[in-house]
Structures are given as C-alpha cells and as structure tokens.
Amino acid sequence: MHSIKDGVSFLSIEVVKLGVPAIAVHGGAGNWDVDERTRKEIKDFMRELLRNTLKLLNDDKHTALDAVEYAVSQLEDSGLFNAGLSSSLNVEGFAQMDAGIMDGDTMRAGAVALVERVKNPVKLARKIMEKTDHVLIGGYGADLLGRIFDMENRIINLESVRRYVDAVSKKSLPSYYKRNSEVVKKLGLSLSDTVGAVAIDTKGKLAAATSTGGIWFKLVGRIGDSPIPGAGFYADRYIACSATGVGETIMTVSLCRTIAIHYRYLRDLRRSILESFRELEELFGVNTAGAIVLSYNSELVMYYNTRGMARGYFSAGMMDPYTNL
C-alpha cells in the first residue's frame, strides 16, 4: 500500500493478486475515526462475512452475482454502516435508500432509488434486473415492487433517529434548501459512507453491487451515485467496480465506467484507477471518493482519497480474510 499524507487526507492504493474465486467488500470511504472497540467489531464482522461469502462462491451452484447480493445484504443488515438498517436520515427525518447490482457476464443491471420501506434494497435491485424490463426504479414504485415481490420491511433504527433529534435540538439543521455538508461535519457524521462488493466466481464471471443510505440531512428526493450503473457500480467481462464517496462527484465523472474504459486500453488496472481518480480529484479535490475494483484475472485494486475505507477481501489460496479500516 502506498499512502501520501497531505495534512487532511491519505491517498491510498492497495494492489493484490487473488485466487479464484474471490470476494472483496467495502464499508465506505470516509474519516473512520472510531474507537478500538468499534474498529474490532467492524473488522470481526467483515472477516466472518468474507468467510461465509467465499464458502458460497466455492459451491459451483452459486455465481458472483449471488455472492455480491449476499455480501451487500449482510452489510445492510449489520447496523454498522450507512446502508439498510442504519441508513442516514434526510432533512425531514426519514431514510431514502439507493442500491444497484450488475452481472458482468450479461452486463444486465438492476437498481433502486429513494426506497423507504424495503429492508434490503440490494435484493430488490436484483429483482428489478431479473423480473422486469427496467434498470432503475425509484420512490413509491420501488417500494410497491417490494410489496409485490414480498420483500421484508425495514424497521426504524432508533440510533439514526437519535442522531437526527440531536441535530434538531441543537438547531444544527440549515434552511431546507441550503448546503448541509458543514452540519454533517460538525456533528461528526460522514458525507460518504456506502457499502459494496465485487466478486469473481469459479467460472471467472464478475459481478458488483453497491448500497447506501446517502448523505445525512440530504434533500428529500436526492439520489446519489450508488444506483447509477457506471457511476457507483459497474461490471463487465473485464472488471467489477463498487465506488464509495460523495455521490455528486462520482456521478459527474461516471467513475466506475471511466475505470472500465481506461482498462480496455491500458490493460493495467492500477494505472486505470489512478487516471480515473486523477480527473475526479482535479475537479473536486481529495476527501471525495474510493473504489474497490476486481479484474477478470483476479487482480484487486482498492483506492481511496479519504482518511480511511472499511475494506476486506478473501479468496482461494488465502488462510484468513484481510480486513482494514
């Protein structure tokens, strides 16, 4: 890993050659200034998740698509990350979640935006990919499909409500339409938490998935990069990518698809990611984004320009999963 400290952030890249099958996950790029107990809890959870997901991949019946759906749904349920159960709340005090999933072999994708009632948005995204003619469904229509597909309902997370009430009681919330990033920073919340996974199965097929609760105190109806194919997630026959960070920056440069296009020409995954992030950072600076990217030859690159990124991987040939924040 190469890290450059610039006073406020670390520019970090890790390049690893994995076996096949393989799974990699992230829990969001951001500050990750947590106490040792929380750090241990997150790393222990990710290790167990990686073990269980690789066990799934070792069974030839299961695909890379199955693996990323399973991994992201577990991250959504964990209560440790800004997705699913512990999703952030918008300026009016309720969660609106986004997620996307993509099969690299067929390049079919499914995504949901502004979901309020479904427990696992990533599972609904896969249903949309496989059961409808569409790619992205948002708002009431997505929640309606959740009921039609008999998906579990999300329960209200009291810790998220407590954070929101605390902000309101301190009169920290700005006028409805004003920028909220300074409020989020003042309250010690993250602008960029997301969860995601990339995988390669025993047949060499790739898949990617991403899920998020979005930015704390975002405007009602705000959609980030996570449900946008080519921005927050992407998979084809060459790479699988899951991005994390400030969604507006990732969408603007179509980060995951940009990495994929660079890779087609450069045939060098590390260089492709560095070139793609160079453009993003020239426009928006650092402390903005991260990504995990897995290639068809099972090379994994993890890059982030924030202080940390919860991340881990496990593959055939490894004794134990790797996790870090």
Protein backbone atom coordinates (compact mmCIF):
# COMPACT_ATOMS: atom_id res chain seq x y z
CA MET A 1 0.00 0.00 0.00
CA HIS A 2 1.23 3.50 -0.85
CA SER A 3 -0.07 6.36 1.32
CA ILE A 4 0.54 10.08 0.92
CA LYS A 5 -0.39 12.36 3.80
CA ASP A 6 -1.42 15.83 2.69
CA GLY A 7 -2.48 17.20 6.07
CA VAL A 8 -6.16 16.34 5.81
CA SER A 9 -6.30 13.05 3.95
CA PHE A 10 -4.47 9.96 2.81
CA LEU A 11 -4.24 8.94 -0.83
CA SER A 12 -4.03 5.17 -0.58
CA ILE A 13 -3.88 2.35 -3.09
CA GLU A 14 -3.61 -1.38 -2.46
CA VAL A 15 -2.95 -3.87 -5.25
CA VAL A 16 -3.41 -7.59 -4.57
CA LYS A 17 -3.35 -10.69 -6.74
CA LEU A 18 -6.10 -13.02 -5.51
CA GLY A 19 -7.07 -16.59 -6.22
CA VAL A 20 -10.32 -17.71 -7.84
CA PRO A 21 -13.00 -17.48 -6.57
CA ALA A 22 -12.64 -14.20 -4.70
CA ILE A 23 -14.75 -11.65 -2.85
CA ALA A 24 -13.94 -8.08 -1.80
CA VAL A 25 -16.15 -5.71 0.18
CA HIS A 26 -16.10 -2.15 1.46
CA GLY A 27 -18.00 -0.28 4.14
CA GLY A 28 -17.43 3.20 2.79
CA ALA A 29 -14.63 5.71 2.33
CA GLY A 30 -14.53 8.43 4.96
CA ASN A 31 -12.99 9.56 8.22
CA TRP A 32 -13.28 6.26 10.15
CA ASP A 33 -12.13 7.91 13.37
CA VAL A 34 -13.63 5.25 15.64
CA ASP A 35 -12.61 3.77 18.99
CA GLU A 36 -10.80 0.44 19.21
CA ARG A 37 -13.92 -1.44 20.31
CA THR A 38 -15.87 -0.29 17.25
CA ARG A 39 -12.89 -0.93 14.98
CA LYS A 40 -12.64 -4.51 16.27
CA GLU A 41 -16.39 -5.06 15.90
CA ILE A 42 -16.33 -3.91 12.28
CA LYS A 43 -13.25 -5.96 11.37
CA ASP A 44 -14.61 -9.09 13.10
CA PHE A 45 -17.92 -8.71 11.28
CA MET A 46 -16.23 -8.26 7.91
CA ARG A 47 -13.98 -11.28 8.47
CA GLU A 48 -16.96 -13.52 9.19
CA LEU A 49 -18.84 -12.08 6.22
CA LEU A 50 -15.91 -12.76 3.89
CA ARG A 51 -15.60 -16.34 5.13
CA ASN A 52 -19.29 -17.01 4.58
CA THR A 53 -19.30 -15.40 1.14
CA LEU A 54 -16.27 -17.35 -0.06
CA LYS A 55 -17.93 -20.53 1.18
CA LEU A 56 -20.88 -19.60 -1.03
CA LEU A 57 -18.57 -18.99 -4.01
CA ASN A 58 -16.80 -22.32 -3.52
CA ASP A 59 -20.11 -24.02 -4.33
CA ASP A 60 -20.34 -24.13 -8.14
CA LYS A 61 -24.11 -23.64 -7.91
CA HIS A 62 -23.55 -20.04 -6.83
CA THR A 63 -22.40 -17.18 -9.02
CA ALA A 64 -20.53 -13.94 -8.47
CA LEU A 65 -23.93 -12.23 -8.63
CA ASP A 66 -25.19 -14.38 -5.74
CA ALA A 67 -22.06 -13.52 -3.77
CA VAL A 68 -22.29 -9.73 -4.10
CA GLU A 69 -26.01 -9.76 -3.35
CA TYR A 70 -25.42 -11.84 -0.23
CA ALA A 71 -22.45 -9.77 0.96
CA VAL A 72 -24.16 -6.42 0.48
CA SER A 73 -27.40 -7.61 2.09
CA GLN A 74 -25.41 -8.67 5.16
CA LEU A 75 -23.68 -5.28 5.24
CA GLU A 76 -27.13 -3.65 5.03
CA ASP A 77 -28.36 -5.73 7.98
CA SER A 78 -25.31 -5.25 10.19
CA GLY A 79 -26.21 -1.87 11.66
CA LEU A 80 -22.54 -0.89 11.34
CA PHE A 81 -22.67 1.06 8.08
CA ASN A 82 -24.73 3.70 6.32
CA ALA A 83 -26.94 1.31 4.37
CA GLY A 84 -30.06 -0.71 5.05
CA LEU A 85 -30.79 -0.81 8.78
CA SER A 86 -28.52 2.11 9.75
CA SER A 87 -29.19 4.36 6.78
CA SER A 88 -28.82 8.10 7.26
CA LEU A 89 -31.91 10.31 7.51
CA ASN A 90 -32.76 13.15 5.17
CA VAL A 91 -33.55 16.74 6.11
CA GLU A 92 -37.12 15.76 7.04
CA GLY A 93 -36.00 12.86 9.23
CA PHE A 94 -36.64 9.68 7.23
CA ALA A 95 -34.46 7.29 5.24
CA GLN A 96 -34.38 7.11 1.44
CA MET A 97 -32.05 4.35 0.27
CA ASP A 98 -30.31 3.60 -3.04
CA ALA A 99 -28.73 0.38 -4.35
CA GLY A 100 -27.54 -1.26 -7.55
CA ILE A 101 -26.28 -4.63 -8.76
CA MET A 102 -24.73 -5.75 -12.07
CA ASP A 103 -23.83 -9.05 -13.72
CA GLY A 104 -20.57 -8.72 -15.65
CA ASP A 105 -21.25 -11.69 -17.92
CA THR A 106 -24.53 -10.34 -19.33
CA MET A 107 -23.99 -6.66 -18.41
CA ARG A 108 -27.53 -6.61 -17.06
CA ALA A 109 -28.12 -4.28 -14.13
CA GLY A 110 -30.85 -3.50 -11.63
CA ALA A 111 -31.14 -0.57 -9.26
CA VAL A 112 -33.45 1.21 -6.84
CA ALA A 113 -33.52 4.79 -5.58
CA LEU A 114 -35.39 6.58 -2.79
CA VAL A 115 -36.54 3.30 -1.22
CA GLU A 116 -38.15 3.84 2.18
CA ARG A 117 -39.76 0.57 3.24
CA VAL A 118 -37.66 -2.32 1.92
CA LYS A 119 -35.20 -3.93 4.35
CA ASN A 120 -32.64 -4.90 1.71
CA PRO A 121 -32.54 -2.54 -1.28
CA VAL A 122 -29.86 -4.66 -3.00
CA LYS A 123 -32.22 -7.65 -3.10
CA LEU A 124 -34.91 -5.51 -4.67
CA ALA A 125 -32.37 -4.23 -7.21
CA ARG A 126 -31.68 -7.80 -8.30
CA LYS A 127 -35.42 -8.50 -8.62
CA ILE A 128 -35.74 -5.48 -10.90
CA MET A 129 -32.85 -6.77 -13.01
CA GLU A 130 -34.29 -10.27 -13.34
CA LYS A 131 -38.07 -9.78 -13.20
CA THR A 132 -38.69 -6.53 -15.08
CA ASP A 133 -37.69 -4.83 -18.33
CA HIS A 134 -36.18 -1.91 -16.45
CA VAL A 135 -32.88 -0.98 -14.83
CA LEU A 136 -33.73 1.71 -12.26
CA ILE A 137 -36.96 2.17 -10.31
CA GLY A 138 -37.37 4.90 -7.71
CA GLY A 139 -39.56 6.04 -4.86
CA TYR A 140 -43.11 4.76 -4.48
CA GLY A 141 -42.72 2.48 -7.49
CA ALA A 142 -39.74 0.73 -5.93
CA ASP A 143 -41.50 0.26 -2.59
CA LEU A 144 -44.58 -1.03 -4.43
CA LEU A 145 -42.44 -3.65 -6.19
CA GLY A 146 -41.01 -4.56 -2.79
CA ARG A 147 -44.52 -5.45 -1.65
CA ILE A 148 -45.30 -7.29 -4.88
CA PHE A 149 -42.11 -9.35 -4.52
CA ASP A 150 -42.98 -9.95 -0.84
CA MET A 151 -39.75 -8.45 0.45
CA GLU A 152 -39.12 -7.81 4.15
CA ASN A 153 -39.93 -4.37 5.51
CA ARG A 154 -37.25 -2.19 7.05
CA ILE A 155 -37.58 -1.41 10.75
CA ILE A 156 -36.92 2.07 12.13
CA ASN A 157 -33.40 2.41 13.50
CA LEU A 158 -33.58 4.26 16.82
CA GLU A 159 -29.91 5.27 16.76
CA SER A 160 -30.41 7.09 13.45
CA VAL A 161 -33.48 8.81 14.90
CA ARG A 162 -31.48 9.83 17.98
CA ARG A 163 -28.83 11.45 15.79
CA TYR A 164 -31.45 13.36 13.86
CA VAL A 165 -33.25 14.55 17.01
CA ASP A 166 -29.91 15.61 18.48
CA ALA A 167 -29.20 17.76 15.42
CA VAL A 168 -32.65 19.33 15.55
CA SER A 169 -32.39 20.04 19.28
CA LYS A 170 -29.08 21.83 18.70
CA LYS A 171 -30.68 23.85 15.90
CA SER A 172 -27.94 22.49 13.66
CA LEU A 173 -30.09 21.95 10.59
CA PRO A 174 -29.85 24.67 7.94
CA SER A 175 -32.72 26.05 5.93
CA TYR A 176 -34.30 23.31 3.87
CA TYR A 177 -32.54 24.09 0.62
CA LYS A 178 -29.10 25.09 1.93
CA ARG A 179 -25.91 23.07 1.75
CA ASN A 180 -25.66 20.53 4.57
CA SER A 181 -22.04 19.39 4.42
CA GLU A 182 -20.83 21.70 7.20
CA VAL A 183 -23.62 20.48 9.50
CA VAL A 184 -22.67 16.88 8.84
CA LYS A 185 -19.01 17.56 9.62
CA LYS A 186 -19.85 19.50 12.80
CA LEU A 187 -21.93 16.61 14.12
CA GLY A 188 -19.20 14.08 13.36
CA LEU A 189 -21.24 12.26 10.71
CA SER A 190 -19.96 11.07 7.35
CA LEU A 191 -20.73 12.51 3.95
CA SER A 192 -19.72 9.38 2.10
CA ASP A 193 -20.48 6.06 3.81
CA THR A 194 -21.63 3.34 1.42
CA VAL A 195 -21.31 -0.45 1.27
CA GLY A 196 -20.33 -2.54 -1.71
CA ALA A 197 -18.90 -5.79 -3.03
CA VAL A 198 -17.15 -7.21 -6.08
CA ALA A 199 -16.65 -10.90 -6.81
CA ILE A 200 -15.32 -13.43 -9.29
CA ASP A 201 -16.75 -16.95 -9.30
CA THR A 202 -15.31 -20.35 -10.20
CA LYS A 203 -16.28 -19.81 -13.86
CA GLY A 204 -14.39 -16.49 -13.95
CA LYS A 205 -17.52 -14.35 -14.11
CA LEU A 206 -17.64 -10.97 -12.37
CA ALA A 207 -20.32 -9.01 -10.51
CA ALA A 208 -20.64 -5.84 -8.46
CA ALA A 209 -23.15 -4.31 -6.05
CA THR A 210 -23.44 -1.11 -4.00
CA SER A 211 -25.94 0.14 -1.40
CA THR A 212 -26.26 3.32 0.66
CA GLY A 213 -28.44 5.48 2.85
CA GLY A 214 -26.89 8.54 1.22
CA ILE A 215 -25.73 11.77 2.83
CA TRP A 216 -27.07 12.78 6.23
CA PHE A 217 -29.65 15.63 6.01
CA LYS A 218 -29.80 15.40 2.22
CA LEU A 219 -32.77 16.99 0.49
CA VAL A 220 -35.83 14.79 0.10
CA GLY A 221 -35.56 13.07 -3.28
CA ARG A 222 -31.78 13.35 -3.57
CA ILE A 223 -30.24 10.40 -5.44
CA GLY A 224 -26.54 9.62 -5.26
CA ASP A 225 -24.22 7.52 -7.39
CA SER A 226 -25.00 4.13 -5.83
CA PRO A 227 -27.98 3.25 -8.07
CA ILE A 228 -26.40 4.62 -11.26
CA PRO A 229 -24.74 1.93 -13.44
CA GLY A 230 -21.29 3.11 -14.44
CA ALA A 231 -21.08 5.58 -11.57
CA GLY A 232 -21.45 3.83 -8.20
CA PHE A 233 -21.29 0.29 -9.56
CA TYR A 234 -20.38 -1.48 -12.79
CA ALA A 235 -19.40 -4.92 -14.08
CA ASP A 236 -18.49 -6.34 -17.47
CA ARG A 237 -16.32 -9.26 -18.60
CA TYR A 238 -13.13 -7.41 -17.66
CA ILE A 239 -13.74 -5.67 -14.34
CA ALA A 240 -16.19 -5.27 -11.47
CA CYS A 241 -16.26 -1.97 -9.58
CA SER A 242 -18.02 -0.63 -6.48
CA ALA A 243 -17.48 3.03 -5.61
CA THR A 244 -17.98 4.98 -2.41
CA GLY A 245 -17.81 8.65 -1.57
CA VAL A 246 -19.61 11.89 -2.27
CA GLY A 247 -22.15 10.77 -4.85
CA GLU A 248 -22.26 14.03 -6.75
CA THR A 249 -18.55 13.77 -7.56
CA ILE A 250 -18.71 10.10 -8.55
CA MET A 251 -21.73 10.63 -10.82
CA THR A 252 -20.16 13.60 -12.56
CA VAL A 253 -17.19 11.56 -13.81
CA SER A 254 -19.06 8.21 -14.12
CA LEU A 255 -16.26 6.77 -12.03
CA CYS A 256 -16.69 3.01 -12.41
CA ARG A 257 -17.34 3.13 -16.16
CA THR A 258 -14.39 5.50 -16.60
CA ILE A 259 -12.15 2.97 -14.86
CA ALA A 260 -13.50 0.24 -17.14
CA ILE A 261 -12.83 2.25 -20.31
CA HIS A 262 -9.29 3.08 -19.23
CA TYR A 263 -8.70 -0.60 -18.52
CA ARG A 264 -9.80 -1.62 -22.02
CA TYR A 265 -6.98 0.48 -23.48
CA LEU A 266 -4.29 0.46 -20.78
CA ARG A 267 -4.62 -3.20 -19.70
CA ASP A 268 -3.23 -2.05 -16.36
CA LEU A 269 -5.76 -1.91 -13.53
CA ARG A 270 -3.68 0.23 -11.20
CA ARG A 271 -2.96 2.85 -13.88
CA SER A 272 -6.59 2.82 -14.98
CA ILE A 273 -7.77 3.64 -11.47
CA LEU A 274 -5.13 6.31 -10.92
CA GLU A 275 -6.03 8.01 -14.22
CA SER A 276 -9.74 7.93 -13.38
CA PHE A 277 -9.25 9.35 -9.90
CA ARG A 278 -6.87 11.99 -11.23
CA GLU A 279 -9.74 13.51 -13.20
CA LEU A 280 -12.09 13.33 -10.21
CA GLU A 281 -9.54 14.90 -7.88
CA GLU A 282 -8.68 17.69 -10.32
CA LEU A 283 -12.35 18.64 -10.36
CA PHE A 284 -13.34 18.05 -6.74
CA GLY A 285 -10.19 17.56 -4.68
CA VAL A 286 -9.47 14.82 -2.16
CA ASN A 287 -11.65 13.51 0.67
CA THR A 288 -14.17 12.67 -2.02
CA ALA A 289 -14.17 9.00 -3.06
CA GLY A 290 -12.87 5.46 -3.04
CA ALA A 291 -13.41 2.26 -5.01
CA ILE A 292 -12.74 -1.45 -5.00
CA VAL A 293 -12.11 -2.95 -8.44
CA LEU A 294 -11.59 -6.61 -9.36
CA SER A 295 -10.36 -7.74 -12.78
CA TYR A 296 -11.06 -10.86 -14.84
CA ASN A 297 -7.60 -12.19 -13.90
CA SER A 298 -8.42 -11.72 -10.21
CA GLU A 299 -6.30 -8.65 -9.57
CA LEU A 300 -7.84 -6.45 -6.88
CA VAL A 301 -7.15 -2.74 -6.51
CA MET A 302 -8.57 -0.69 -3.63
CA TYR A 303 -8.14 3.09 -3.79
CA TYR A 304 -9.38 5.87 -1.54
CA ASN A 305 -8.51 9.54 -1.10
CA THR A 306 -10.03 9.82 2.38
CA ARG A 307 -8.57 9.09 5.82
CA GLY A 308 -9.84 5.54 5.66
CA MET A 309 -12.07 3.00 3.97
CA ALA A 310 -13.52 -0.06 5.65
CA ARG A 311 -12.48 -2.86 3.33
CA GLY A 312 -11.61 -6.53 3.10
CA TYR A 313 -11.08 -9.46 0.77
CA PHE A 314 -10.79 -13.24 0.78
CA SER A 315 -10.03 -15.74 -1.96
CA ALA A 316 -9.00 -19.27 -2.74
CA GLY A 317 -5.43 -19.78 -1.57
CA MET A 318 -5.73 -17.49 1.45
CA MET A 319 -5.71 -18.83 5.01
CA ASP A 320 -7.64 -15.91 6.51
CA PRO A 321 -9.56 -12.88 5.25
CA TYR A 322 -7.88 -9.47 5.13
CA THR A 323 -9.75 -6.54 6.70
CA ASN A 324 -8.81 -2.97 7.50
CA LEU A 325 -10.20 0.50 8.09
